[in-house]
Amino acid sequence: MTLSLHEMARMINTGAGSLGTCREYFDATTQKLEMLGIRDAGMERLRFAAG
C-alpha cells in the first residue's frame, strides 16, 4: 500500500503513541538530519506538506 503525500502529512499531524506524537518524532528527526548536514528531498517535501 502506498500513501499519498497528503495522507502521510495527515498521519504525522494526528498520530500519537505512548512515547509522544508522531509530529514530535518527525520534527526531531528532521532537525537531527539538518544538524548532520543531511538533505533528504522526500523528508523536505513531507515537512512542507505537514506544515
N, C-alpha and C. Protein backbone atom coordinates (compact mmCIF):
# COMPACT_ATOMS: atom_id res chain seq x y z
N MET A 1 0.85 -1.18 0.00
CA MET A 1 0.00 0.00 0.00
C MET A 1 0.89 1.25 0.00
N THR A 2 0.60 2.15 -0.90
CA THR A 2 1.34 3.40 -0.98
C THR A 2 0.44 4.55 -0.57
N LEU A 3 0.93 5.38 0.34
CA LEU A 3 0.17 6.54 0.80
C LEU A 3 0.57 7.77 0.00
N SER A 4 -0.38 8.65 -0.22
CA SER A 4 -0.08 9.92 -0.88
C SER A 4 0.64 10.84 0.12
N LEU A 5 1.28 11.87 -0.41
CA LEU A 5 1.95 12.85 0.42
C LEU A 5 0.97 13.47 1.41
N HIS A 6 -0.23 13.77 0.94
CA HIS A 6 -1.26 14.35 1.80
C HIS A 6 -1.64 13.40 2.93
N GLU A 7 -1.78 12.12 2.63
CA GLU A 7 -2.14 11.14 3.65
C GLU A 7 -1.02 10.99 4.69
N MET A 8 0.22 10.98 4.23
CA MET A 8 1.34 10.89 5.17
C MET A 8 1.40 12.11 6.07
N ALA A 9 1.18 13.30 5.50
CA ALA A 9 1.19 14.53 6.29
C ALA A 9 0.08 14.51 7.33
N ARG A 10 -1.09 14.03 6.97
CA ARG A 10 -2.19 13.94 7.91
C ARG A 10 -1.84 13.01 9.06
N MET A 11 -1.22 11.88 8.74
CA MET A 11 -0.85 10.92 9.77
C MET A 11 0.20 11.51 10.72
N ILE A 12 1.14 12.25 10.18
CA ILE A 12 2.16 12.89 11.01
C ILE A 12 1.51 13.88 11.97
N ASN A 13 0.54 14.63 11.48
CA ASN A 13 -0.09 15.67 12.30
C ASN A 13 -1.12 15.13 13.29
N THR A 14 -1.56 13.91 13.12
CA THR A 14 -2.60 13.39 14.02
C THR A 14 -2.18 12.17 14.83
N GLY A 15 -1.09 11.52 14.44
CA GLY A 15 -0.68 10.29 15.11
C GLY A 15 -0.05 10.54 16.47
N ALA A 16 -0.26 9.60 17.39
CA ALA A 16 0.33 9.68 18.72
C ALA A 16 0.46 8.28 19.29
N GLY A 17 1.43 8.12 20.15
CA GLY A 17 1.65 6.85 20.82
C GLY A 17 2.06 7.08 22.25
N SER A 18 2.49 6.04 22.90
CA SER A 18 2.83 6.13 24.32
C SER A 18 4.07 6.99 24.58
N LEU A 19 4.90 7.19 23.56
CA LEU A 19 6.11 8.00 23.74
C LEU A 19 5.99 9.42 23.20
N GLY A 20 4.81 9.79 22.71
CA GLY A 20 4.60 11.14 22.21
C GLY A 20 3.89 11.14 20.87
N THR A 21 3.86 12.31 20.26
CA THR A 21 3.16 12.44 18.99
C THR A 21 4.09 12.11 17.82
N CYS A 22 3.49 11.75 16.73
CA CYS A 22 4.24 11.49 15.51
C CYS A 22 4.91 12.79 15.06
N ARG A 23 4.23 13.90 15.22
CA ARG A 23 4.79 15.19 14.81
C ARG A 23 6.06 15.51 15.58
N GLU A 24 6.07 15.23 16.89
CA GLU A 24 7.28 15.47 17.68
C GLU A 24 8.44 14.63 17.18
N TYR A 25 8.17 13.38 16.89
CA TYR A 25 9.20 12.47 16.39
C TYR A 25 9.69 12.92 15.01
N PHE A 26 8.76 13.27 14.15
CA PHE A 26 9.12 13.73 12.80
C PHE A 26 9.98 14.99 12.87
N ASP A 27 9.56 15.96 13.69
CA ASP A 27 10.32 17.21 13.82
C ASP A 27 11.72 16.95 14.38
N ALA A 28 11.83 16.08 15.38
CA ALA A 28 13.14 15.75 15.96
C ALA A 28 14.03 15.09 14.91
N THR A 29 13.46 14.22 14.10
CA THR A 29 14.22 13.54 13.06
C THR A 29 14.73 14.52 12.01
N THR A 30 13.86 15.42 11.56
CA THR A 30 14.28 16.37 10.53
C THR A 30 15.31 17.36 11.09
N GLN A 31 15.17 17.75 12.34
CA GLN A 31 16.15 18.64 12.96
C GLN A 31 17.52 17.97 13.06
N LYS A 32 17.52 16.69 13.44
CA LYS A 32 18.78 15.96 13.55
C LYS A 32 19.44 15.81 12.17
N LEU A 33 18.65 15.52 11.15
CA LEU A 33 19.21 15.44 9.80
C LEU A 33 19.86 16.76 9.41
N GLU A 34 19.20 17.88 9.72
CA GLU A 34 19.76 19.19 9.41
C GLU A 34 21.07 19.41 10.15
N MET A 35 21.10 19.05 11.44
CA MET A 35 22.32 19.22 12.24
C MET A 35 23.48 18.43 11.66
N LEU A 36 23.18 17.28 11.08
CA LEU A 36 24.21 16.42 10.50
C LEU A 36 24.55 16.81 9.06
N GLY A 37 23.84 17.80 8.53
CA GLY A 37 24.09 18.25 7.16
C GLY A 37 23.56 17.30 6.11
N ILE A 38 22.54 16.53 6.49
CA ILE A 38 21.96 15.56 5.57
C ILE A 38 20.69 16.13 4.98
N ARG A 39 20.62 16.18 3.65
CA ARG A 39 19.42 16.66 2.97
C ARG A 39 18.68 15.46 2.39
N ASP A 40 17.40 15.38 2.69
CA ASP A 40 16.57 14.31 2.18
C ASP A 40 15.36 14.95 1.51
N ALA A 41 15.31 14.89 0.19
CA ALA A 41 14.26 15.58 -0.56
C ALA A 41 12.87 15.09 -0.16
N GLY A 42 12.71 13.79 0.08
CA GLY A 42 11.42 13.25 0.47
C GLY A 42 10.96 13.80 1.81
N MET A 43 11.88 13.86 2.77
CA MET A 43 11.53 14.41 4.09
C MET A 43 11.21 15.90 3.99
N GLU A 44 11.91 16.62 3.14
CA GLU A 44 11.65 18.05 2.97
C GLU A 44 10.27 18.28 2.35
N ARG A 45 9.90 17.46 1.37
CA ARG A 45 8.57 17.58 0.78
C ARG A 45 7.50 17.27 1.81
N LEU A 46 7.75 16.25 2.61
CA LEU A 46 6.79 15.86 3.64
C LEU A 46 6.68 16.94 4.71
N ARG A 47 7.78 17.55 5.09
CA ARG A 47 7.74 18.63 6.08
C ARG A 47 6.91 19.80 5.56
N PHE A 48 7.09 20.14 4.29
CA PHE A 48 6.31 21.22 3.69
C PHE A 48 4.84 20.87 3.68
N ALA A 49 4.51 19.65 3.31
CA ALA A 49 3.11 19.22 3.24
C ALA A 49 2.46 19.18 4.63
N ALA A 50 3.24 18.81 5.64
CA ALA A 50 2.69 18.70 7.00
C ALA A 50 2.52 20.07 7.65
N GLY A 51 3.17 21.07 7.07
CA GLY A 51 3.00 22.43 7.59
C GLY A 51 3.93 22.74 8.65
